[in-house]
Amino acid sequence: INSSATNAHIFKTSNTERVRINQYGLGINVTPVDNTGLYVQAQNNDFGIRLNDESGNNLFKVFQQSANVGRMFLRGNGRSVLDLGDGADPSFIDLKQLGIGNRNPSAALDVSGSVRISGSLEVNTHTNGDTALTIGGVTTGTAVTPTMNFQGTGQLKIKRNNSDILMG
């Protein structure tokens, strides 16, 4: 451990600085600046921050995938559940249920609030004729907003006040 006139603590291996602690925080392969706390400078691809569980299984990692491309992943129950980046590998979220604005999701994606889609929405239909997409279905007092169901058979069913209109 070397200490300089700036009151920094410097850790070296093979006479190369690896870690520096100064008034701004802890730096790995870099001098920390601007109250960063923890500042890591990647030296090459796959260099980053990693958290393992007590058995040595990789749980979380943020790293350099390639020049100017970062990647982050999270594992749970022995599988990748979040993989985000902008490189050659695709990004994904693989959860049994994801709630947005909802801490207790009851479907694969359960959104509490409005959803805006810029582009198209594709719904794969069920081959057994079950409802593939439902729009509406809100009850306010005694008034019922109409419900439209796009059936797996290619039919459109509109329901209003407990009456069905089947189209197609």
N, C-alpha and C. Protein backbone atom coordinates (compact mmCIF):
# COMPACT_ATOMS: atom_id res chain seq x y z
N ILE A 1 0.86 -1.17 0.00
CA ILE A 1 0.00 0.00 0.00
C ILE A 1 0.89 1.22 0.00
N ASN A 2 0.63 2.09 -0.94
CA ASN A 2 1.37 3.35 -1.01
C ASN A 2 0.42 4.49 -0.68
N SER A 3 0.90 5.47 0.01
CA SER A 3 0.10 6.65 0.31
C SER A 3 0.85 7.86 -0.22
N SER A 4 0.15 8.72 -0.95
CA SER A 4 0.82 9.88 -1.54
C SER A 4 0.49 11.13 -0.74
N ALA A 5 1.03 12.23 -1.20
CA ALA A 5 0.80 13.52 -0.53
C ALA A 5 -0.67 13.93 -0.60
N THR A 6 -1.44 13.35 -1.52
CA THR A 6 -2.86 13.71 -1.65
C THR A 6 -3.73 12.87 -0.73
N ASN A 7 -3.13 12.11 0.16
CA ASN A 7 -3.83 11.25 1.10
C ASN A 7 -4.62 10.14 0.41
N ALA A 8 -4.17 9.71 -0.74
CA ALA A 8 -4.80 8.59 -1.43
C ALA A 8 -4.07 7.31 -1.03
N HIS A 9 -4.81 6.23 -0.95
CA HIS A 9 -4.22 4.91 -0.73
C HIS A 9 -4.21 4.19 -2.06
N ILE A 10 -3.04 3.70 -2.45
CA ILE A 10 -2.86 3.10 -3.76
C ILE A 10 -2.41 1.65 -3.59
N PHE A 11 -3.07 0.74 -4.28
CA PHE A 11 -2.71 -0.68 -4.27
C PHE A 11 -2.17 -1.04 -5.64
N LYS A 12 -1.00 -1.68 -5.65
CA LYS A 12 -0.35 -2.04 -6.90
C LYS A 12 -0.04 -3.52 -6.93
N THR A 13 -0.02 -4.06 -8.14
CA THR A 13 0.54 -5.39 -8.39
C THR A 13 1.47 -5.25 -9.59
N SER A 14 2.62 -5.91 -9.53
CA SER A 14 3.63 -5.82 -10.59
C SER A 14 3.91 -4.36 -10.95
N ASN A 15 3.95 -3.52 -9.93
CA ASN A 15 4.23 -2.09 -10.06
C ASN A 15 3.20 -1.34 -10.92
N THR A 16 2.01 -1.92 -11.10
CA THR A 16 0.92 -1.27 -11.84
C THR A 16 -0.20 -0.95 -10.86
N GLU A 17 -0.66 0.30 -10.87
CA GLU A 17 -1.74 0.70 -9.97
C GLU A 17 -3.02 -0.03 -10.35
N ARG A 18 -3.66 -0.69 -9.38
CA ARG A 18 -4.92 -1.42 -9.60
C ARG A 18 -6.09 -0.75 -8.89
N VAL A 19 -5.85 -0.25 -7.67
CA VAL A 19 -6.91 0.33 -6.85
C VAL A 19 -6.40 1.62 -6.22
N ARG A 20 -7.27 2.63 -6.20
CA ARG A 20 -6.94 3.89 -5.54
C ARG A 20 -8.15 4.32 -4.71
N ILE A 21 -7.90 4.68 -3.46
CA ILE A 21 -8.93 5.24 -2.59
C ILE A 21 -8.51 6.66 -2.29
N ASN A 22 -9.40 7.60 -2.62
CA ASN A 22 -9.10 9.00 -2.31
C ASN A 22 -10.36 9.65 -1.73
N GLN A 23 -10.36 10.98 -1.63
CA GLN A 23 -11.48 11.68 -1.01
C GLN A 23 -12.79 11.51 -1.79
N TYR A 24 -12.75 11.07 -3.06
CA TYR A 24 -13.96 10.90 -3.86
C TYR A 24 -14.53 9.49 -3.80
N GLY A 25 -13.73 8.51 -3.45
CA GLY A 25 -14.23 7.15 -3.38
C GLY A 25 -13.17 6.12 -3.73
N LEU A 26 -13.62 4.99 -4.26
CA LEU A 26 -12.76 3.86 -4.61
C LEU A 26 -12.71 3.73 -6.13
N GLY A 27 -11.50 3.68 -6.67
CA GLY A 27 -11.33 3.51 -8.11
C GLY A 27 -10.60 2.22 -8.41
N ILE A 28 -11.10 1.46 -9.39
CA ILE A 28 -10.43 0.25 -9.86
C ILE A 28 -9.97 0.54 -11.28
N ASN A 29 -8.65 0.56 -11.48
CA ASN A 29 -8.01 0.90 -12.75
C ASN A 29 -8.27 2.35 -13.16
N VAL A 30 -8.64 3.20 -12.21
CA VAL A 30 -8.93 4.60 -12.50
C VAL A 30 -8.88 5.39 -11.19
N THR A 31 -8.63 6.67 -11.29
CA THR A 31 -8.67 7.54 -10.12
C THR A 31 -10.08 8.07 -9.95
N PRO A 32 -10.73 7.83 -8.80
CA PRO A 32 -12.11 8.32 -8.61
C PRO A 32 -12.17 9.84 -8.60
N VAL A 33 -13.25 10.37 -9.19
CA VAL A 33 -13.47 11.81 -9.26
C VAL A 33 -14.92 12.11 -8.95
N ASP A 34 -15.19 13.35 -8.58
CA ASP A 34 -16.56 13.88 -8.45
C ASP A 34 -17.46 13.06 -7.53
N ASN A 35 -16.98 12.61 -6.40
CA ASN A 35 -17.80 11.86 -5.43
C ASN A 35 -18.53 10.68 -6.05
N THR A 36 -17.87 9.96 -6.92
CA THR A 36 -18.46 8.81 -7.61
C THR A 36 -18.74 7.66 -6.65
N GLY A 37 -17.96 7.50 -5.63
CA GLY A 37 -18.12 6.38 -4.70
C GLY A 37 -17.35 5.17 -5.17
N LEU A 38 -17.82 4.54 -6.23
CA LEU A 38 -17.14 3.40 -6.85
C LEU A 38 -17.03 3.70 -8.33
N TYR A 39 -15.81 3.66 -8.84
CA TYR A 39 -15.55 3.98 -10.24
C TYR A 39 -14.67 2.86 -10.78
N VAL A 40 -15.16 2.16 -11.81
CA VAL A 40 -14.42 1.03 -12.39
C VAL A 40 -14.13 1.35 -13.85
N GLN A 41 -12.87 1.22 -14.23
CA GLN A 41 -12.47 1.42 -15.63
C GLN A 41 -12.17 0.05 -16.22
N ALA A 42 -12.96 -0.35 -17.24
CA ALA A 42 -12.73 -1.64 -17.90
C ALA A 42 -11.40 -1.61 -18.63
N GLN A 43 -10.68 -2.73 -18.58
CA GLN A 43 -9.41 -2.84 -19.30
C GLN A 43 -9.59 -3.56 -20.62
N ASN A 44 -10.64 -4.39 -20.70
CA ASN A 44 -10.88 -5.16 -21.92
C ASN A 44 -12.31 -5.72 -21.86
N ASN A 45 -12.70 -6.45 -22.87
CA ASN A 45 -14.03 -7.04 -22.89
C ASN A 45 -14.19 -8.01 -21.72
N ASP A 46 -15.38 -8.10 -21.19
CA ASP A 46 -15.77 -8.94 -20.07
C ASP A 46 -15.26 -8.43 -18.73
N PHE A 47 -14.66 -7.26 -18.71
CA PHE A 47 -14.18 -6.67 -17.46
C PHE A 47 -15.32 -5.87 -16.84
N GLY A 48 -15.59 -6.10 -15.55
CA GLY A 48 -16.66 -5.35 -14.91
C GLY A 48 -16.81 -5.68 -13.44
N ILE A 49 -18.06 -5.58 -12.99
CA ILE A 49 -18.40 -5.83 -11.59
C ILE A 49 -19.27 -7.07 -11.53
N ARG A 50 -19.00 -7.94 -10.58
CA ARG A 50 -19.71 -9.22 -10.48
C ARG A 50 -20.06 -9.52 -9.03
N LEU A 51 -21.25 -10.10 -8.83
CA LEU A 51 -21.69 -10.55 -7.51
C LEU A 51 -22.05 -12.02 -7.60
N ASN A 52 -21.43 -12.83 -6.76
CA ASN A 52 -21.72 -14.27 -6.71
C ASN A 52 -22.43 -14.60 -5.40
N ASP A 53 -23.19 -15.69 -5.41
CA ASP A 53 -23.79 -16.16 -4.16
C ASP A 53 -22.75 -16.96 -3.38
N GLU A 54 -23.14 -17.49 -2.22
CA GLU A 54 -22.19 -18.19 -1.36
C GLU A 54 -21.63 -19.46 -1.99
N SER A 55 -22.29 -19.99 -3.03
CA SER A 55 -21.81 -21.20 -3.72
C SER A 55 -20.95 -20.87 -4.93
N GLY A 56 -20.76 -19.59 -5.20
CA GLY A 56 -19.94 -19.19 -6.34
C GLY A 56 -20.73 -19.00 -7.63
N ASN A 57 -22.06 -19.08 -7.56
CA ASN A 57 -22.88 -18.87 -8.76
C ASN A 57 -22.99 -17.38 -9.05
N ASN A 58 -22.82 -17.01 -10.32
CA ASN A 58 -22.88 -15.63 -10.74
C ASN A 58 -24.32 -15.13 -10.68
N LEU A 59 -24.60 -14.10 -9.86
CA LEU A 59 -25.95 -13.56 -9.72
C LEU A 59 -26.14 -12.27 -10.51
N PHE A 60 -25.13 -11.42 -10.56
CA PHE A 60 -25.25 -10.10 -11.16
C PHE A 60 -23.92 -9.73 -11.78
N LYS A 61 -23.97 -9.13 -12.95
CA LYS A 61 -22.73 -8.69 -13.58
C LYS A 61 -23.01 -7.50 -14.48
N VAL A 62 -22.17 -6.48 -14.38
CA VAL A 62 -22.16 -5.34 -15.28
C VAL A 62 -20.75 -5.31 -15.86
N PHE A 63 -20.65 -5.29 -17.19
CA PHE A 63 -19.32 -5.41 -17.79
C PHE A 63 -19.28 -4.78 -19.18
N GLN A 64 -18.05 -4.64 -19.69
CA GLN A 64 -17.84 -4.18 -21.05
C GLN A 64 -17.96 -5.37 -21.97
N GLN A 65 -18.93 -5.31 -22.91
CA GLN A 65 -19.09 -6.40 -23.88
C GLN A 65 -18.13 -6.22 -25.05
N SER A 66 -18.00 -5.00 -25.52
CA SER A 66 -17.04 -4.64 -26.56
C SER A 66 -16.80 -3.14 -26.42
N ALA A 67 -15.95 -2.59 -27.27
CA ALA A 67 -15.63 -1.17 -27.17
C ALA A 67 -16.91 -0.33 -27.24
N ASN A 68 -17.14 0.50 -26.23
CA ASN A 68 -18.28 1.40 -26.14
C ASN A 68 -19.63 0.68 -26.01
N VAL A 69 -19.63 -0.59 -25.62
CA VAL A 69 -20.87 -1.35 -25.44
C VAL A 69 -20.82 -2.03 -24.08
N GLY A 70 -21.78 -1.67 -23.20
CA GLY A 70 -21.88 -2.28 -21.89
C GLY A 70 -22.98 -3.33 -21.88
N ARG A 71 -22.95 -4.19 -20.90
CA ARG A 71 -23.96 -5.23 -20.76
C ARG A 71 -24.19 -5.47 -19.27
N MET A 72 -25.43 -5.84 -18.91
CA MET A 72 -25.77 -6.14 -17.53
C MET A 72 -26.67 -7.36 -17.53
N PHE A 73 -26.42 -8.28 -16.61
CA PHE A 73 -27.35 -9.39 -16.46
C PHE A 73 -27.57 -9.76 -15.01
N LEU A 74 -28.71 -10.36 -14.78
CA LEU A 74 -29.13 -10.79 -13.45
C LEU A 74 -29.63 -12.22 -13.57
N ARG A 75 -29.21 -13.06 -12.66
CA ARG A 75 -29.64 -14.47 -12.66
C ARG A 75 -30.44 -14.74 -11.40
N GLY A 76 -31.40 -15.64 -11.50
CA GLY A 76 -32.19 -16.07 -10.36
C GLY A 76 -32.71 -17.47 -10.60
N ASN A 77 -32.76 -18.27 -9.58
CA ASN A 77 -33.22 -19.66 -9.69
C ASN A 77 -32.45 -20.44 -10.75
N GLY A 78 -31.14 -20.15 -10.89
CA GLY A 78 -30.30 -20.93 -11.79
C GLY A 78 -30.43 -20.56 -13.25
N ARG A 79 -31.10 -19.44 -13.58
CA ARG A 79 -31.25 -19.07 -14.99
C ARG A 79 -31.13 -17.56 -15.13
N SER A 80 -30.83 -17.09 -16.32
CA SER A 80 -30.79 -15.65 -16.59
C SER A 80 -32.21 -15.11 -16.64
N VAL A 81 -32.47 -14.04 -15.88
CA VAL A 81 -33.80 -13.43 -15.90
C VAL A 81 -33.77 -12.03 -16.51
N LEU A 82 -32.61 -11.41 -16.57
CA LEU A 82 -32.48 -10.09 -17.17
C LEU A 82 -31.13 -10.02 -17.86
N ASP A 83 -31.13 -9.62 -19.12
CA ASP A 83 -29.91 -9.48 -19.88
C ASP A 83 -30.07 -8.26 -20.77
N LEU A 84 -29.38 -7.18 -20.45
CA LEU A 84 -29.53 -5.92 -21.16
C LEU A 84 -28.21 -5.47 -21.74
N GLY A 85 -28.23 -5.04 -22.97
CA GLY A 85 -27.04 -4.51 -23.62
C GLY A 85 -27.40 -4.01 -24.99
N ASP A 86 -26.41 -3.53 -25.70
CA ASP A 86 -26.64 -2.99 -27.02
C ASP A 86 -25.63 -3.56 -28.00
N GLY A 87 -25.20 -4.77 -27.75
CA GLY A 87 -24.21 -5.39 -28.61
C GLY A 87 -24.83 -6.40 -29.55
N ALA A 88 -24.05 -7.38 -29.96
CA ALA A 88 -24.51 -8.38 -30.91
C ALA A 88 -25.52 -9.35 -30.28
N ASP A 89 -25.44 -9.57 -28.97
CA ASP A 89 -26.36 -10.49 -28.30
C ASP A 89 -27.68 -9.79 -28.00
N PRO A 90 -28.82 -10.48 -28.14
CA PRO A 90 -30.11 -9.84 -27.86
C PRO A 90 -30.31 -9.60 -26.37
N SER A 91 -31.07 -8.57 -26.04
CA SER A 91 -31.45 -8.29 -24.66
C SER A 91 -32.78 -8.96 -24.39
N PHE A 92 -33.01 -9.36 -23.12
CA PHE A 92 -34.28 -9.98 -22.79
C PHE A 92 -34.57 -9.88 -21.30
N ILE A 93 -35.87 -10.02 -20.98
CA ILE A 93 -36.33 -10.18 -19.61
C ILE A 93 -37.11 -11.48 -19.60
N ASP A 94 -36.73 -12.42 -18.76
CA ASP A 94 -37.36 -13.74 -18.73
C ASP A 94 -37.86 -14.00 -17.31
N LEU A 95 -39.07 -13.54 -17.04
CA LEU A 95 -39.68 -13.70 -15.72
C LEU A 95 -40.97 -14.50 -15.87
N LYS A 96 -41.36 -15.19 -14.84
CA LYS A 96 -42.65 -15.87 -14.88
C LYS A 96 -43.77 -14.85 -14.92
N GLN A 97 -43.67 -13.79 -14.12
CA GLN A 97 -44.66 -12.73 -14.11
C GLN A 97 -43.95 -11.41 -13.84
N LEU A 98 -44.36 -10.37 -14.59
CA LEU A 98 -43.78 -9.05 -14.45
C LEU A 98 -44.91 -8.06 -14.19
N GLY A 99 -44.84 -7.35 -13.08
CA GLY A 99 -45.82 -6.33 -12.76
C GLY A 99 -45.23 -4.96 -12.97
N ILE A 100 -45.94 -4.11 -13.69
CA ILE A 100 -45.54 -2.71 -13.86
C ILE A 100 -46.60 -1.89 -13.15
N GLY A 101 -46.22 -1.24 -12.07
CA GLY A 101 -47.19 -0.53 -11.24
C GLY A 101 -48.04 -1.49 -10.43
N ASN A 102 -47.59 -2.73 -10.31
CA ASN A 102 -48.36 -3.77 -9.64
C ASN A 102 -47.37 -4.73 -8.97
N ARG A 103 -47.39 -4.80 -7.66
CA ARG A 103 -46.46 -5.68 -6.94
C ARG A 103 -46.91 -7.14 -6.88
N ASN A 104 -48.14 -7.41 -7.28
CA ASN A 104 -48.66 -8.78 -7.26
C ASN A 104 -49.25 -9.14 -8.62
N PRO A 105 -48.39 -9.33 -9.65
CA PRO A 105 -48.92 -9.62 -10.98
C PRO A 105 -49.63 -10.97 -11.02
N SER A 106 -50.71 -11.04 -11.81
CA SER A 106 -51.47 -12.28 -11.95
C SER A 106 -51.42 -12.81 -13.37
N ALA A 107 -50.56 -12.23 -14.22
CA ALA A 107 -50.38 -12.69 -15.59
C ALA A 107 -48.90 -12.50 -15.95
N ALA A 108 -48.50 -13.01 -17.10
CA ALA A 108 -47.11 -12.87 -17.52
C ALA A 108 -46.68 -11.40 -17.53
N LEU A 109 -47.57 -10.51 -17.99
CA LEU A 109 -47.35 -9.07 -17.91
C LEU A 109 -48.62 -8.46 -17.35
N ASP A 110 -48.52 -7.82 -16.21
CA ASP A 110 -49.68 -7.23 -15.53
C ASP A 110 -49.36 -5.76 -15.29
N VAL A 111 -50.04 -4.88 -16.06
CA VAL A 111 -49.78 -3.45 -16.01
C VAL A 111 -50.94 -2.77 -15.31
N SER A 112 -50.63 -1.98 -14.30
CA SER A 112 -51.64 -1.18 -13.63
C SER A 112 -51.45 0.25 -14.10
N GLY A 113 -52.36 0.72 -14.95
CA GLY A 113 -52.24 2.04 -15.53
C GLY A 113 -52.37 1.97 -17.03
N SER A 114 -52.11 3.07 -17.68
CA SER A 114 -52.25 3.15 -19.13
C SER A 114 -51.03 2.59 -19.83
N VAL A 115 -51.26 2.09 -21.03
CA VAL A 115 -50.19 1.57 -21.87
C VAL A 115 -50.27 2.30 -23.20
N ARG A 116 -49.15 2.76 -23.69
CA ARG A 116 -49.10 3.40 -25.00
C ARG A 116 -48.20 2.56 -25.89
N ILE A 117 -48.69 2.24 -27.06
CA ILE A 117 -47.91 1.47 -28.02
C ILE A 117 -47.73 2.32 -29.26
N SER A 118 -46.50 2.56 -29.62
CA SER A 118 -46.19 3.27 -30.85
C SER A 118 -45.75 2.23 -31.85
N GLY A 119 -46.61 1.88 -32.75
CA GLY A 119 -46.34 0.79 -33.68
C GLY A 119 -47.52 -0.15 -33.67
N SER A 120 -47.27 -1.41 -33.84
CA SER A 120 -48.36 -2.38 -33.92
C SER A 120 -48.34 -3.31 -32.72
N LEU A 121 -49.47 -3.95 -32.49
CA LEU A 121 -49.62 -4.95 -31.44
C LEU A 121 -49.99 -6.25 -32.12
N GLU A 122 -49.21 -7.27 -31.92
CA GLU A 122 -49.47 -8.58 -32.51
C GLU A 122 -49.91 -9.53 -31.41
N VAL A 123 -51.03 -10.21 -31.65
CA VAL A 123 -51.55 -11.17 -30.69
C VAL A 123 -51.65 -12.51 -31.39
N ASN A 124 -50.99 -13.52 -30.86
CA ASN A 124 -51.10 -14.86 -31.41
C ASN A 124 -52.37 -15.50 -30.87
N THR A 125 -53.19 -16.02 -31.75
CA THR A 125 -54.47 -16.58 -31.34
C THR A 125 -54.32 -18.00 -30.83
N HIS A 126 -55.31 -18.40 -30.02
CA HIS A 126 -55.37 -19.76 -29.52
C HIS A 126 -56.04 -20.63 -30.57
N THR A 127 -55.56 -21.83 -30.75
CA THR A 127 -56.15 -22.73 -31.75
C THR A 127 -57.43 -23.38 -31.26
N ASN A 128 -57.72 -23.33 -29.97
CA ASN A 128 -58.91 -23.99 -29.44
C ASN A 128 -60.13 -23.07 -29.38
N GLY A 129 -60.02 -21.86 -29.93
CA GLY A 129 -61.16 -20.95 -29.95
C GLY A 129 -61.28 -20.08 -28.72
N ASP A 130 -60.36 -20.20 -27.76
CA ASP A 130 -60.41 -19.34 -26.58
C ASP A 130 -60.18 -17.89 -26.99
N THR A 131 -60.55 -16.98 -26.12
CA THR A 131 -60.34 -15.57 -26.38
C THR A 131 -58.85 -15.28 -26.47
N ALA A 132 -58.46 -14.60 -27.56
CA ALA A 132 -57.06 -14.25 -27.76
C ALA A 132 -56.75 -12.84 -27.26
N LEU A 133 -57.74 -11.93 -27.32
CA LEU A 133 -57.52 -10.56 -26.90
C LEU A 133 -58.83 -9.99 -26.41
N THR A 134 -58.82 -9.36 -25.25
CA THR A 134 -60.02 -8.71 -24.71
C THR A 134 -59.72 -7.24 -24.53
N ILE A 135 -60.64 -6.40 -25.00
CA ILE A 135 -60.51 -4.95 -24.85
C ILE A 135 -61.76 -4.46 -24.14
N GLY A 136 -61.59 -3.68 -23.08
CA GLY A 136 -62.73 -3.11 -22.37
C GLY A 136 -63.12 -3.96 -21.18
N GLY A 137 -64.41 -3.95 -20.87
CA GLY A 137 -64.92 -4.76 -19.78
C GLY A 137 -64.91 -4.04 -18.45
N VAL A 138 -65.11 -2.73 -18.44
CA VAL A 138 -65.09 -1.95 -17.20
C VAL A 138 -66.53 -1.71 -16.74
N THR A 139 -66.80 -1.98 -15.47
CA THR A 139 -68.12 -1.73 -14.91
C THR A 139 -68.03 -0.51 -13.99
N THR A 140 -68.93 0.46 -14.25
CA THR A 140 -68.99 1.66 -13.42
C THR A 140 -70.43 1.79 -12.92
N GLY A 141 -70.66 1.53 -11.65
CA GLY A 141 -72.03 1.55 -11.13
C GLY A 141 -72.85 0.48 -11.83
N THR A 142 -73.93 0.88 -12.51
CA THR A 142 -74.75 -0.09 -13.24
C THR A 142 -74.42 -0.09 -14.73
N ALA A 143 -73.59 0.86 -15.20
CA ALA A 143 -73.24 0.92 -16.62
C ALA A 143 -72.07 0.00 -16.90
N VAL A 144 -72.13 -0.68 -18.04
CA VAL A 144 -71.06 -1.59 -18.44
C VAL A 144 -70.48 -1.10 -19.76
N THR A 145 -69.18 -0.86 -19.78
CA THR A 145 -68.50 -0.51 -21.02
C THR A 145 -68.45 -1.76 -21.88
N PRO A 146 -68.73 -1.64 -23.17
CA PRO A 146 -68.71 -2.83 -24.02
C PRO A 146 -67.35 -3.53 -24.00
N THR A 147 -67.37 -4.84 -24.14
CA THR A 147 -66.16 -5.64 -24.20
C THR A 147 -66.06 -6.24 -25.59
N MET A 148 -64.86 -6.17 -26.18
CA MET A 148 -64.62 -6.81 -27.47
C MET A 148 -63.63 -7.94 -27.24
N ASN A 149 -63.97 -9.12 -27.71
CA ASN A 149 -63.08 -10.28 -27.63
C ASN A 149 -62.75 -10.74 -29.04
N PHE A 150 -61.47 -10.83 -29.34
CA PHE A 150 -61.06 -11.39 -30.60
C PHE A 150 -60.80 -12.87 -30.34
N GLN A 151 -61.63 -13.72 -30.93
CA GLN A 151 -61.58 -15.15 -30.66
C GLN A 151 -60.45 -15.80 -31.45
N GLY A 152 -59.97 -16.91 -30.94
CA GLY A 152 -58.95 -17.69 -31.63
C GLY A 152 -59.44 -18.23 -32.97
N THR A 153 -60.73 -18.25 -33.17
CA THR A 153 -61.32 -18.74 -34.43
C THR A 153 -61.35 -17.65 -35.49
N GLY A 154 -60.88 -16.45 -35.18
CA GLY A 154 -60.90 -15.35 -36.13
C GLY A 154 -62.16 -14.51 -36.02
N GLN A 155 -63.03 -14.80 -35.08
CA GLN A 155 -64.27 -14.06 -34.91
C GLN A 155 -64.08 -12.93 -33.91
N LEU A 156 -64.92 -11.93 -34.04
CA LEU A 156 -64.94 -10.81 -33.11
C LEU A 156 -66.25 -10.88 -32.35
N LYS A 157 -66.17 -10.96 -31.02
CA LYS A 157 -67.37 -10.99 -30.19
C LYS A 157 -67.43 -9.68 -29.39
N ILE A 158 -68.53 -8.95 -29.55
CA ILE A 158 -68.75 -7.72 -28.80
C ILE A 158 -69.84 -8.00 -27.78
N LYS A 159 -69.57 -7.71 -26.52
CA LYS A 159 -70.52 -7.97 -25.45
C LYS A 159 -70.94 -6.64 -24.84
N ARG A 160 -72.25 -6.43 -24.75
CA ARG A 160 -72.76 -5.23 -24.11
C ARG A 160 -74.01 -5.61 -23.34
N ASN A 161 -74.02 -5.26 -22.06
CA ASN A 161 -75.17 -5.56 -21.18
C ASN A 161 -75.58 -7.03 -21.28
N ASN A 162 -74.60 -7.91 -21.17
CA ASN A 162 -74.78 -9.36 -21.18
C ASN A 162 -75.35 -9.91 -22.49
N SER A 163 -75.28 -9.17 -23.59
CA SER A 163 -75.70 -9.66 -24.90
C SER A 163 -74.47 -9.77 -25.78
N ASP A 164 -74.35 -10.89 -26.50
CA ASP A 164 -73.21 -11.13 -27.38
C ASP A 164 -73.58 -10.82 -28.82
N ILE A 165 -72.69 -10.15 -29.54
CA ILE A 165 -72.80 -9.97 -30.97
C ILE A 165 -71.55 -10.62 -31.56
N LEU A 166 -71.72 -11.63 -32.38
CA LEU A 166 -70.61 -12.38 -32.95
C LEU A 166 -70.44 -11.97 -34.41
N MET A 167 -69.25 -11.56 -34.77
CA MET A 167 -68.97 -11.11 -36.14
C MET A 167 -67.87 -11.97 -36.73
N GLY A 168 -67.99 -12.25 -37.99
CA GLY A 168 -66.93 -12.98 -38.70
C GLY A 168 -67.21 -14.41 -38.71
